[in-house]
């Protein structure tokens, strides 16, 4: 049983007899507490989709839920449902657009390493790879002689997501994006 400080995004936990997927974690260190951090977790009930915000001390023990991660790839969009196909047995998994809204900003047909998270054989979340490769479709022109300095500019990616990129990146370049931090992680290899 892990401590609250060990819980990561997209973990499935059990709380009050229900299973929740952790979508966001904020760590804070209140003044006057002898080194104790607080972890505010935004979670969604896997059955009802109901949102729950809960705060835990770093030493609180949390029960992990039984979940299965299946390698899958994005297949097609069906109304408000994203359909993923299991890479091994071709089982289709439908996930509601709202449930995976943040992940879809970095998802296309080429994205490899995607896993569908199943709780009691029901798809509830996506587990994205650390980095994905996407094409820059719109950004300001690159500046001749610009080096990889800390100055950045916004770039629109092929999925519609906007990230800050160094000045030397131009439209048409393929870049790596860190999904968790939503940051530029380097140029993609050709």
N, C-alpha and C. Protein backbone atom coordinates (compact mmCIF):
# COMPACT_ATOMS: atom_id res chain seq x y z
N UNK A 1 0.84 -1.17 0.00
CA UNK A 1 0.00 0.00 0.00
C UNK A 1 0.89 1.25 0.00
N UNK A 2 0.83 2.05 -1.07
CA UNK A 2 1.72 3.21 -1.16
C UNK A 2 1.23 4.40 -0.34
N UNK A 3 2.17 5.31 -0.07
CA UNK A 3 1.83 6.56 0.59
C UNK A 3 1.27 7.52 -0.45
N UNK A 4 0.60 8.57 0.01
CA UNK A 4 0.04 9.58 -0.90
C UNK A 4 1.13 10.21 -1.76
N UNK A 5 2.34 10.34 -1.20
CA UNK A 5 3.43 10.96 -1.95
C UNK A 5 3.92 10.09 -3.11
N UNK A 6 3.57 8.80 -3.12
CA UNK A 6 4.00 7.89 -4.18
C UNK A 6 2.98 7.76 -5.32
N UNK A 7 1.80 8.34 -5.16
CA UNK A 7 0.74 8.22 -6.16
C UNK A 7 1.06 9.14 -7.35
N UNK A 8 0.86 8.62 -8.55
CA UNK A 8 1.10 9.37 -9.79
C UNK A 8 -0.22 9.59 -10.52
N UNK A 9 -0.18 10.48 -11.52
CA UNK A 9 -1.37 10.70 -12.34
C UNK A 9 -1.77 9.41 -13.05
N UNK A 10 -3.06 9.24 -13.27
CA UNK A 10 -3.67 8.08 -13.92
C UNK A 10 -3.60 6.81 -13.08
N UNK A 11 -3.26 6.95 -11.79
CA UNK A 11 -3.30 5.79 -10.90
C UNK A 11 -4.76 5.54 -10.53
N UNK A 12 -5.10 4.28 -10.31
CA UNK A 12 -6.46 3.92 -9.87
C UNK A 12 -6.39 3.61 -8.38
N UNK A 13 -7.20 4.32 -7.60
CA UNK A 13 -7.19 4.11 -6.15
C UNK A 13 -8.59 3.78 -5.67
N UNK A 14 -8.65 3.11 -4.51
CA UNK A 14 -9.92 2.81 -3.88
C UNK A 14 -10.10 3.74 -2.70
N UNK A 15 -11.27 4.34 -2.61
CA UNK A 15 -11.58 5.27 -1.53
C UNK A 15 -13.06 5.13 -1.20
N UNK A 16 -13.39 4.84 0.03
CA UNK A 16 -14.78 4.67 0.47
C UNK A 16 -15.53 3.64 -0.37
N UNK A 17 -14.86 2.56 -0.75
CA UNK A 17 -15.50 1.49 -1.50
C UNK A 17 -15.70 1.76 -2.98
N UNK A 18 -15.19 2.90 -3.46
CA UNK A 18 -15.33 3.22 -4.88
C UNK A 18 -13.94 3.31 -5.51
N UNK A 19 -13.90 3.13 -6.83
CA UNK A 19 -12.63 3.21 -7.55
C UNK A 19 -12.57 4.55 -8.29
N UNK A 20 -11.43 5.23 -8.12
CA UNK A 20 -11.22 6.54 -8.74
C UNK A 20 -9.94 6.52 -9.56
N UNK A 21 -9.93 7.31 -10.63
CA UNK A 21 -8.72 7.55 -11.42
C UNK A 21 -8.22 8.94 -11.04
N UNK A 22 -6.94 9.03 -10.66
CA UNK A 22 -6.34 10.30 -10.29
C UNK A 22 -5.95 11.04 -11.57
N UNK A 23 -6.54 12.22 -11.79
CA UNK A 23 -6.28 12.98 -13.01
C UNK A 23 -5.29 14.12 -12.79
N UNK A 24 -5.23 14.65 -11.56
CA UNK A 24 -4.33 15.78 -11.31
C UNK A 24 -3.89 15.74 -9.86
N UNK A 25 -2.64 16.12 -9.62
CA UNK A 25 -2.09 16.15 -8.26
C UNK A 25 -1.38 17.48 -8.06
N UNK A 26 -1.73 18.17 -6.98
CA UNK A 26 -1.04 19.40 -6.61
C UNK A 26 -0.39 19.18 -5.25
N UNK A 27 0.90 19.48 -5.17
CA UNK A 27 1.63 19.32 -3.91
C UNK A 27 1.80 20.69 -3.29
N UNK A 28 1.53 20.78 -2.00
CA UNK A 28 1.74 22.05 -1.30
C UNK A 28 2.41 21.77 0.04
N UNK A 29 3.18 22.75 0.50
CA UNK A 29 3.86 22.64 1.79
C UNK A 29 3.42 23.84 2.62
N UNK A 30 2.37 23.66 3.44
CA UNK A 30 1.89 24.77 4.25
C UNK A 30 2.94 25.22 5.27
N UNK A 31 2.98 26.52 5.53
CA UNK A 31 3.91 27.05 6.53
C UNK A 31 3.50 26.55 7.91
N UNK A 32 4.49 26.32 8.74
CA UNK A 32 4.22 25.92 10.12
C UNK A 32 4.04 24.43 10.31
N UNK A 33 4.02 23.65 9.22
CA UNK A 33 3.93 22.19 9.37
C UNK A 33 5.36 21.67 9.36
N UNK A 34 5.67 20.83 10.23
CA UNK A 34 7.04 20.32 10.36
C UNK A 34 7.40 19.42 9.18
N UNK A 35 7.57 20.03 8.02
CA UNK A 35 8.04 19.29 6.84
C UNK A 35 6.99 18.45 6.15
N UNK A 36 5.73 18.52 6.59
CA UNK A 36 4.70 17.68 5.98
C UNK A 36 4.08 18.30 4.76
N UNK A 37 4.09 17.59 3.65
CA UNK A 37 3.47 18.07 2.42
C UNK A 37 2.03 17.59 2.36
N UNK A 38 1.21 18.35 1.65
CA UNK A 38 -0.15 17.95 1.39
C UNK A 38 -0.31 17.69 -0.10
N UNK A 39 -1.07 16.67 -0.44
CA UNK A 39 -1.30 16.31 -1.84
C UNK A 39 -2.80 16.42 -2.11
N UNK A 40 -3.16 17.39 -2.96
CA UNK A 40 -4.56 17.57 -3.36
C UNK A 40 -4.74 16.83 -4.68
N UNK A 41 -5.62 15.85 -4.66
CA UNK A 41 -5.82 15.01 -5.84
C UNK A 41 -7.21 15.23 -6.41
N UNK A 42 -7.26 15.48 -7.71
CA UNK A 42 -8.54 15.55 -8.42
C UNK A 42 -8.75 14.18 -9.04
N UNK A 43 -9.87 13.55 -8.65
CA UNK A 43 -10.14 12.16 -9.07
C UNK A 43 -11.52 12.08 -9.70
N UNK A 44 -11.70 11.05 -10.53
CA UNK A 44 -12.99 10.79 -11.16
C UNK A 44 -13.40 9.36 -10.87
N UNK A 45 -14.66 9.20 -10.46
CA UNK A 45 -15.23 7.88 -10.21
C UNK A 45 -15.31 7.14 -11.54
N UNK A 46 -14.79 5.91 -11.59
CA UNK A 46 -14.76 5.17 -12.85
C UNK A 46 -16.14 4.72 -13.30
N UNK A 47 -17.08 4.62 -12.39
CA UNK A 47 -18.43 4.18 -12.76
C UNK A 47 -19.30 5.36 -13.17
N UNK A 48 -19.39 6.37 -12.32
CA UNK A 48 -20.31 7.49 -12.57
C UNK A 48 -19.66 8.66 -13.28
N UNK A 49 -18.31 8.75 -13.24
CA UNK A 49 -17.62 9.89 -13.82
C UNK A 49 -17.63 11.11 -12.91
N UNK A 50 -18.17 10.96 -11.70
CA UNK A 50 -18.27 12.07 -10.75
C UNK A 50 -16.88 12.51 -10.29
N UNK A 51 -16.70 13.84 -10.21
CA UNK A 51 -15.41 14.41 -9.81
C UNK A 51 -15.33 14.48 -8.29
N UNK A 52 -14.13 14.23 -7.76
CA UNK A 52 -13.90 14.32 -6.32
C UNK A 52 -12.53 14.94 -6.10
N UNK A 53 -12.47 15.99 -5.28
CA UNK A 53 -11.20 16.58 -4.88
C UNK A 53 -10.96 16.18 -3.44
N UNK A 54 -9.80 15.60 -3.18
CA UNK A 54 -9.47 15.11 -1.84
C UNK A 54 -8.03 15.50 -1.53
N UNK A 55 -7.77 15.85 -0.27
CA UNK A 55 -6.42 16.21 0.16
C UNK A 55 -5.90 15.16 1.12
N UNK A 56 -4.65 14.73 0.88
CA UNK A 56 -4.02 13.72 1.72
C UNK A 56 -2.71 14.26 2.26
N UNK A 57 -2.33 13.81 3.46
CA UNK A 57 -0.99 14.09 3.99
C UNK A 57 -0.03 13.16 3.26
N UNK A 58 1.25 13.56 3.18
CA UNK A 58 2.21 12.74 2.43
C UNK A 58 2.38 11.34 3.01
N UNK A 59 2.08 11.16 4.29
CA UNK A 59 2.25 9.84 4.92
C UNK A 59 0.98 8.99 4.90
N UNK A 60 -0.16 9.54 4.43
CA UNK A 60 -1.40 8.76 4.37
C UNK A 60 -1.22 7.57 3.45
N UNK A 61 -1.70 6.42 3.88
CA UNK A 61 -1.62 5.20 3.08
C UNK A 61 -2.88 5.11 2.20
N UNK A 62 -2.68 4.80 0.92
CA UNK A 62 -3.78 4.77 -0.04
C UNK A 62 -3.84 3.39 -0.69
N UNK A 63 -5.05 2.86 -0.81
CA UNK A 63 -5.25 1.56 -1.47
C UNK A 63 -5.28 1.75 -2.98
N UNK A 64 -4.45 0.97 -3.67
CA UNK A 64 -4.50 0.98 -5.13
C UNK A 64 -5.60 0.02 -5.57
N UNK A 65 -6.32 0.39 -6.62
CA UNK A 65 -7.37 -0.48 -7.15
C UNK A 65 -6.75 -1.47 -8.13
N UNK A 66 -7.44 -2.58 -8.32
CA UNK A 66 -6.98 -3.56 -9.32
C UNK A 66 -7.29 -3.01 -10.70
N UNK A 67 -6.25 -2.83 -11.46
CA UNK A 67 -6.46 -2.36 -12.82
C UNK A 67 -5.53 -3.09 -13.76
N UNK A 68 -5.93 -3.09 -15.00
CA UNK A 68 -5.15 -3.74 -16.05
C UNK A 68 -4.84 -2.69 -17.10
N UNK A 69 -3.62 -2.70 -17.58
CA UNK A 69 -3.23 -1.80 -18.67
C UNK A 69 -3.02 -2.65 -19.92
N UNK A 70 -3.75 -2.30 -20.98
CA UNK A 70 -3.66 -3.05 -22.23
C UNK A 70 -3.08 -2.15 -23.32
N UNK A 71 -2.04 -2.63 -24.03
CA UNK A 71 -1.51 -1.83 -25.13
C UNK A 71 -2.57 -1.70 -26.23
N UNK A 72 -2.76 -0.48 -26.70
CA UNK A 72 -3.80 -0.24 -27.71
C UNK A 72 -3.37 0.91 -28.61
N UNK A 73 -4.09 1.05 -29.69
CA UNK A 73 -3.84 2.18 -30.59
C UNK A 73 -5.17 2.83 -30.95
N UNK A 74 -5.11 4.15 -31.19
CA UNK A 74 -6.30 4.89 -31.56
C UNK A 74 -6.80 4.39 -32.90
N UNK A 75 -8.09 4.09 -32.99
CA UNK A 75 -8.66 3.56 -34.20
C UNK A 75 -9.50 4.62 -34.93
N UNK A 76 -10.54 5.12 -34.27
CA UNK A 76 -11.39 6.13 -34.90
C UNK A 76 -12.24 6.85 -33.86
N UNK A 77 -12.86 7.94 -34.29
CA UNK A 77 -13.74 8.74 -33.44
C UNK A 77 -15.17 8.43 -33.83
N UNK A 78 -16.01 8.07 -32.84
CA UNK A 78 -17.41 7.73 -33.09
C UNK A 78 -18.28 8.64 -32.22
N UNK A 79 -18.66 9.79 -32.75
CA UNK A 79 -19.46 10.75 -31.98
C UNK A 79 -18.63 11.31 -30.83
N UNK A 80 -19.08 11.06 -29.60
CA UNK A 80 -18.36 11.51 -28.40
C UNK A 80 -17.44 10.43 -27.84
N UNK A 81 -17.24 9.36 -28.57
CA UNK A 81 -16.42 8.25 -28.10
C UNK A 81 -15.17 8.09 -28.96
N UNK A 82 -14.04 7.92 -28.28
CA UNK A 82 -12.81 7.54 -28.96
C UNK A 82 -12.73 6.03 -28.90
N UNK A 83 -12.48 5.39 -30.02
CA UNK A 83 -12.40 3.93 -30.07
C UNK A 83 -10.94 3.53 -30.24
N UNK A 84 -10.47 2.68 -29.33
CA UNK A 84 -9.11 2.16 -29.36
C UNK A 84 -9.17 0.67 -29.61
N UNK A 85 -8.17 0.14 -30.33
CA UNK A 85 -8.12 -1.28 -30.64
C UNK A 85 -6.96 -1.90 -29.88
N UNK A 86 -7.26 -2.98 -29.14
CA UNK A 86 -6.23 -3.70 -28.41
C UNK A 86 -5.19 -4.23 -29.39
N UNK A 87 -3.91 -4.02 -29.10
CA UNK A 87 -2.83 -4.44 -30.01
C UNK A 87 -2.68 -5.95 -30.09
N UNK A 88 -3.16 -6.68 -29.08
CA UNK A 88 -2.95 -8.13 -29.05
C UNK A 88 -4.16 -8.93 -29.51
N UNK A 89 -5.35 -8.62 -28.95
CA UNK A 89 -6.51 -9.43 -29.33
C UNK A 89 -7.59 -8.63 -30.08
N UNK A 90 -7.27 -7.39 -30.48
CA UNK A 90 -8.14 -6.55 -31.31
C UNK A 90 -9.49 -6.22 -30.67
N UNK A 91 -9.57 -6.27 -29.34
CA UNK A 91 -10.78 -5.88 -28.64
C UNK A 91 -10.94 -4.36 -28.75
N UNK A 92 -12.13 -3.87 -29.14
CA UNK A 92 -12.33 -2.41 -29.18
C UNK A 92 -12.66 -1.88 -27.78
N UNK A 93 -12.08 -0.72 -27.44
CA UNK A 93 -12.35 -0.06 -26.16
C UNK A 93 -12.87 1.34 -26.47
N UNK A 94 -14.05 1.66 -25.95
CA UNK A 94 -14.63 2.98 -26.16
C UNK A 94 -14.40 3.83 -24.92
N UNK A 95 -13.86 5.03 -25.13
CA UNK A 95 -13.65 5.98 -24.04
C UNK A 95 -14.32 7.29 -24.40
N UNK A 96 -15.06 7.86 -23.46
CA UNK A 96 -15.75 9.11 -23.68
C UNK A 96 -14.76 10.24 -23.87
N UNK A 97 -15.06 11.14 -24.79
CA UNK A 97 -14.20 12.28 -25.12
C UNK A 97 -13.86 13.10 -23.88
N UNK A 98 -14.83 13.32 -23.00
CA UNK A 98 -14.61 14.14 -21.80
C UNK A 98 -13.64 13.46 -20.83
N UNK A 99 -13.72 12.14 -20.70
CA UNK A 99 -12.87 11.40 -19.76
C UNK A 99 -11.39 11.46 -20.13
N UNK A 100 -11.09 11.60 -21.42
CA UNK A 100 -9.68 11.60 -21.85
C UNK A 100 -9.33 12.89 -22.57
N UNK A 101 -10.01 13.97 -22.21
CA UNK A 101 -9.86 15.26 -22.89
C UNK A 101 -8.41 15.74 -22.93
N UNK A 102 -7.69 15.66 -21.81
CA UNK A 102 -6.31 16.15 -21.78
C UNK A 102 -5.38 15.29 -22.63
N UNK A 103 -5.57 13.98 -22.62
CA UNK A 103 -4.71 13.08 -23.37
C UNK A 103 -4.89 13.23 -24.89
N UNK A 104 -6.11 13.55 -25.32
CA UNK A 104 -6.37 13.64 -26.76
C UNK A 104 -5.64 14.80 -27.42
N UNK A 105 -5.17 15.76 -26.63
CA UNK A 105 -4.39 16.86 -27.20
C UNK A 105 -3.07 16.36 -27.80
N UNK A 106 -2.64 15.19 -27.40
CA UNK A 106 -1.35 14.65 -27.85
C UNK A 106 -1.51 13.29 -28.52
N UNK A 107 -2.70 13.02 -29.04
CA UNK A 107 -3.01 11.70 -29.60
C UNK A 107 -3.34 11.81 -31.08
N UNK A 108 -2.70 10.95 -31.88
CA UNK A 108 -3.09 10.80 -33.28
C UNK A 108 -2.92 9.34 -33.67
N UNK A 109 -3.17 9.02 -34.93
CA UNK A 109 -3.13 7.62 -35.38
C UNK A 109 -1.73 7.01 -35.26
N UNK A 110 -0.70 7.86 -35.24
CA UNK A 110 0.68 7.37 -35.21
C UNK A 110 1.22 7.17 -33.79
N UNK A 111 0.51 7.68 -32.78
CA UNK A 111 1.00 7.63 -31.40
C UNK A 111 1.17 6.19 -30.94
N UNK A 112 2.42 5.84 -30.62
CA UNK A 112 2.72 4.48 -30.14
C UNK A 112 2.90 4.50 -28.63
N UNK A 113 2.68 3.36 -27.99
CA UNK A 113 2.91 3.25 -26.55
C UNK A 113 1.70 3.62 -25.71
N UNK A 114 0.54 3.79 -26.34
CA UNK A 114 -0.68 4.12 -25.60
C UNK A 114 -1.21 2.86 -24.92
N UNK A 115 -1.69 3.02 -23.68
CA UNK A 115 -2.31 1.90 -22.98
C UNK A 115 -3.68 2.33 -22.48
N UNK A 116 -4.65 1.43 -22.63
CA UNK A 116 -5.99 1.66 -22.10
C UNK A 116 -6.02 1.06 -20.70
N UNK A 117 -6.50 1.84 -19.73
CA UNK A 117 -6.59 1.38 -18.35
C UNK A 117 -7.97 0.78 -18.13
N UNK A 118 -8.00 -0.49 -17.70
CA UNK A 118 -9.26 -1.19 -17.45
C UNK A 118 -9.43 -1.45 -15.96
N UNK A 119 -10.62 -1.16 -15.44
CA UNK A 119 -10.99 -1.51 -14.06
C UNK A 119 -12.23 -2.38 -14.18
N UNK A 120 -12.15 -3.61 -13.69
CA UNK A 120 -13.25 -4.58 -13.82
C UNK A 120 -13.68 -4.73 -15.28
N UNK A 121 -12.71 -4.84 -16.18
CA UNK A 121 -12.92 -5.01 -17.62
C UNK A 121 -13.63 -3.83 -18.29
N UNK A 122 -13.71 -2.68 -17.63
CA UNK A 122 -14.32 -1.49 -18.21
C UNK A 122 -13.21 -0.47 -18.48
N UNK A 123 -13.09 0.03 -19.73
CA UNK A 123 -12.07 1.05 -20.00
C UNK A 123 -12.41 2.36 -19.30
N UNK A 124 -11.44 2.90 -18.55
CA UNK A 124 -11.72 4.10 -17.75
C UNK A 124 -10.76 5.25 -18.03
N UNK A 125 -9.58 4.96 -18.58
CA UNK A 125 -8.60 6.03 -18.79
C UNK A 125 -7.57 5.60 -19.82
N UNK A 126 -6.75 6.58 -20.23
CA UNK A 126 -5.64 6.32 -21.13
C UNK A 126 -4.35 6.57 -20.39
N UNK A 127 -3.37 5.75 -20.63
CA UNK A 127 -2.03 5.96 -20.09
C UNK A 127 -1.14 6.25 -21.30
N UNK A 128 -0.72 7.49 -21.40
CA UNK A 128 0.06 7.93 -22.56
C UNK A 128 1.54 7.66 -22.33
N UNK A 129 2.31 7.52 -23.41
CA UNK A 129 3.76 7.40 -23.26
C UNK A 129 4.32 8.73 -22.73
N UNK A 130 5.54 8.70 -22.21
CA UNK A 130 6.15 9.91 -21.66
C UNK A 130 6.29 10.98 -22.72
N UNK A 131 6.81 10.62 -23.89
CA UNK A 131 6.99 11.57 -24.99
C UNK A 131 6.25 11.09 -26.23
N UNK A 132 5.70 12.05 -26.98
CA UNK A 132 5.08 11.73 -28.27
C UNK A 132 5.70 12.63 -29.33
N UNK A 133 5.70 12.15 -30.56
CA UNK A 133 6.23 12.94 -31.67
C UNK A 133 5.07 13.51 -32.47
N UNK A 134 5.09 14.84 -32.64
CA UNK A 134 4.04 15.52 -33.39
C UNK A 134 4.65 16.55 -34.32
N UNK A 135 3.89 16.93 -35.34
CA UNK A 135 4.37 17.91 -36.31
C UNK A 135 3.89 19.30 -35.93
N UNK A 136 4.77 20.28 -36.10
CA UNK A 136 4.41 21.68 -35.89
C UNK A 136 3.71 22.15 -37.15
N UNK A 137 2.44 22.57 -37.03
CA UNK A 137 1.71 23.02 -38.23
C UNK A 137 1.63 24.53 -38.34
N UNK A 138 1.91 25.22 -37.23
CA UNK A 138 1.89 26.68 -37.29
C UNK A 138 2.74 27.27 -36.17
N UNK A 139 3.67 28.13 -36.53
CA UNK A 139 4.47 28.88 -35.57
C UNK A 139 5.10 30.06 -36.30
N UNK A 140 5.60 31.00 -35.53
CA UNK A 140 6.27 32.14 -36.15
C UNK A 140 7.49 31.63 -36.90
N UNK A 141 7.92 32.35 -37.94
CA UNK A 141 9.10 31.90 -38.69
C UNK A 141 10.32 31.79 -37.78
N UNK A 142 11.18 30.82 -38.10
CA UNK A 142 12.40 30.68 -37.30
C UNK A 142 13.33 31.84 -37.62
N UNK A 143 14.11 32.22 -36.63
CA UNK A 143 15.02 33.35 -36.78
C UNK A 143 16.36 32.82 -37.21
N UNK A 144 16.88 33.35 -38.31
CA UNK A 144 18.17 32.88 -38.82
C UNK A 144 19.24 33.12 -37.77
N UNK A 145 19.98 32.08 -37.48
CA UNK A 145 21.06 32.16 -36.50
C UNK A 145 20.58 31.99 -35.07
N UNK A 146 19.29 31.73 -34.88
CA UNK A 146 18.79 31.54 -33.52
C UNK A 146 19.35 30.24 -32.97
N UNK A 147 19.82 30.31 -31.77
CA UNK A 147 20.36 29.11 -31.13
C UNK A 147 19.30 28.54 -30.20
N UNK A 148 19.62 27.45 -29.60
CA UNK A 148 18.68 26.81 -28.68
C UNK A 148 18.74 27.54 -27.35
N UNK A 149 18.34 28.81 -27.37
CA UNK A 149 18.34 29.61 -26.14
C UNK A 149 17.07 29.34 -25.37
N UNK A 150 16.93 30.04 -24.27
CA UNK A 150 15.75 29.83 -23.44
C UNK A 150 14.54 30.62 -23.96
N UNK A 151 14.73 31.44 -25.01
CA UNK A 151 13.58 32.17 -25.56
C UNK A 151 12.71 31.21 -26.35
N UNK A 152 11.40 31.34 -26.14
CA UNK A 152 10.47 30.42 -26.81
C UNK A 152 9.37 31.19 -27.52
N UNK A 153 8.61 30.44 -28.32
CA UNK A 153 7.45 30.98 -29.03
C UNK A 153 6.39 29.89 -29.06
N UNK A 154 5.11 30.25 -29.18
CA UNK A 154 4.06 29.24 -29.23
C UNK A 154 4.05 28.52 -30.59
N UNK A 155 3.72 27.23 -30.54
CA UNK A 155 3.59 26.44 -31.76
C UNK A 155 2.32 25.59 -31.68
N UNK A 156 1.54 25.60 -32.77
CA UNK A 156 0.35 24.76 -32.86
C UNK A 156 0.78 23.43 -33.46
N UNK A 157 0.41 22.33 -32.79
CA UNK A 157 0.80 20.99 -33.25
C UNK A 157 -0.31 20.38 -34.10
N UNK A 158 -0.01 19.27 -34.75
CA UNK A 158 -0.96 18.62 -35.65
C UNK A 158 -2.24 18.16 -34.96
N UNK A 159 -2.21 18.02 -33.63
CA UNK A 159 -3.40 17.60 -32.88
C UNK A 159 -4.20 18.79 -32.37
N UNK A 160 -3.68 20.00 -32.58
CA UNK A 160 -4.36 21.21 -32.09
C UNK A 160 -3.80 21.74 -30.79
N UNK A 161 -2.95 20.96 -30.12
CA UNK A 161 -2.33 21.41 -28.87
C UNK A 161 -1.35 22.54 -29.16
N UNK A 162 -1.16 23.42 -28.19
CA UNK A 162 -0.21 24.52 -28.31
C UNK A 162 0.84 24.36 -27.22
N UNK A 163 2.11 24.34 -27.62
CA UNK A 163 3.22 24.26 -26.66
C UNK A 163 4.25 25.33 -27.01
N UNK A 164 5.07 25.67 -26.03
CA UNK A 164 6.15 26.62 -26.26
C UNK A 164 7.35 25.86 -26.82
N UNK A 165 7.95 26.39 -27.90
CA UNK A 165 9.11 25.76 -28.52
C UNK A 165 10.23 26.79 -28.65
N UNK A 166 11.49 26.32 -28.76
CA UNK A 166 12.60 27.26 -28.97
C UNK A 166 12.45 27.99 -30.30
N UNK A 167 13.10 29.14 -30.42
CA UNK A 167 12.97 29.98 -31.61
C UNK A 167 13.42 29.31 -32.90
N UNK A 168 14.32 28.32 -32.82
CA UNK A 168 14.85 27.72 -34.05
C UNK A 168 13.90 26.70 -34.68
N UNK A 169 12.81 26.35 -34.02
CA UNK A 169 11.83 25.40 -34.57
C UNK A 169 10.93 26.14 -35.57
N UNK A 170 10.64 25.49 -36.69
CA UNK A 170 9.79 26.14 -37.70
C UNK A 170 8.63 25.22 -38.10
N UNK A 171 7.69 25.78 -38.84
CA UNK A 171 6.53 25.03 -39.32
C UNK A 171 7.01 23.83 -40.14
N UNK A 172 6.41 22.66 -39.91
CA UNK A 172 6.80 21.45 -40.63
C UNK A 172 7.77 20.56 -39.87
N UNK A 173 8.42 21.09 -38.84
CA UNK A 173 9.34 20.28 -38.02
C UNK A 173 8.56 19.28 -37.19
N UNK A 174 9.16 18.12 -36.95
CA UNK A 174 8.59 17.13 -36.03
C UNK A 174 9.33 17.27 -34.71
N UNK A 175 8.56 17.37 -33.63
CA UNK A 175 9.16 17.56 -32.32
C UNK A 175 8.66 16.50 -31.34
N UNK A 176 9.42 16.32 -30.25
CA UNK A 176 8.98 15.47 -29.15
C UNK A 176 8.36 16.37 -28.10
N UNK A 177 7.24 15.92 -27.54
CA UNK A 177 6.56 16.67 -26.49
C UNK A 177 6.41 15.76 -25.28
N UNK A 178 6.81 16.26 -24.10
CA UNK A 178 6.60 15.54 -22.85
C UNK A 178 5.12 15.70 -22.50
N UNK A 179 4.38 14.59 -22.50
CA UNK A 179 2.93 14.62 -22.32
C UNK A 179 2.55 15.09 -20.92
N UNK A 180 3.23 14.59 -19.90
CA UNK A 180 2.86 14.93 -18.53
C UNK A 180 3.09 16.42 -18.23
N UNK A 181 4.21 16.95 -18.69
CA UNK A 181 4.53 18.35 -18.43
C UNK A 181 4.02 19.28 -19.51
N UNK A 182 3.56 18.73 -20.65
CA UNK A 182 3.09 19.49 -21.80
C UNK A 182 4.13 20.49 -22.26
N UNK A 183 5.37 19.99 -22.39
CA UNK A 183 6.49 20.84 -22.78
C UNK A 183 7.27 20.22 -23.94
N UNK A 184 7.95 21.09 -24.68
CA UNK A 184 8.87 20.70 -25.73
C UNK A 184 9.98 19.84 -25.11
N UNK A 185 10.28 18.69 -25.75
CA UNK A 185 11.29 17.79 -25.20
C UNK A 185 12.42 17.52 -26.20
N UNK A 186 12.40 18.21 -27.32
CA UNK A 186 13.46 18.02 -28.30
C UNK A 186 12.91 17.81 -29.70
N UNK A 187 13.83 17.84 -30.63
CA UNK A 187 13.48 17.59 -32.03
C UNK A 187 13.35 16.08 -32.23
N UNK A 188 12.36 15.66 -33.03
CA UNK A 188 12.19 14.24 -33.32
C UNK A 188 13.23 13.81 -34.34
N UNK A 189 13.67 12.56 -34.22
CA UNK A 189 14.61 12.04 -35.21
C UNK A 189 13.89 11.75 -36.50
N UNK A 190 14.55 12.02 -37.60
CA UNK A 190 13.91 11.84 -38.91
C UNK A 190 13.97 10.43 -39.39
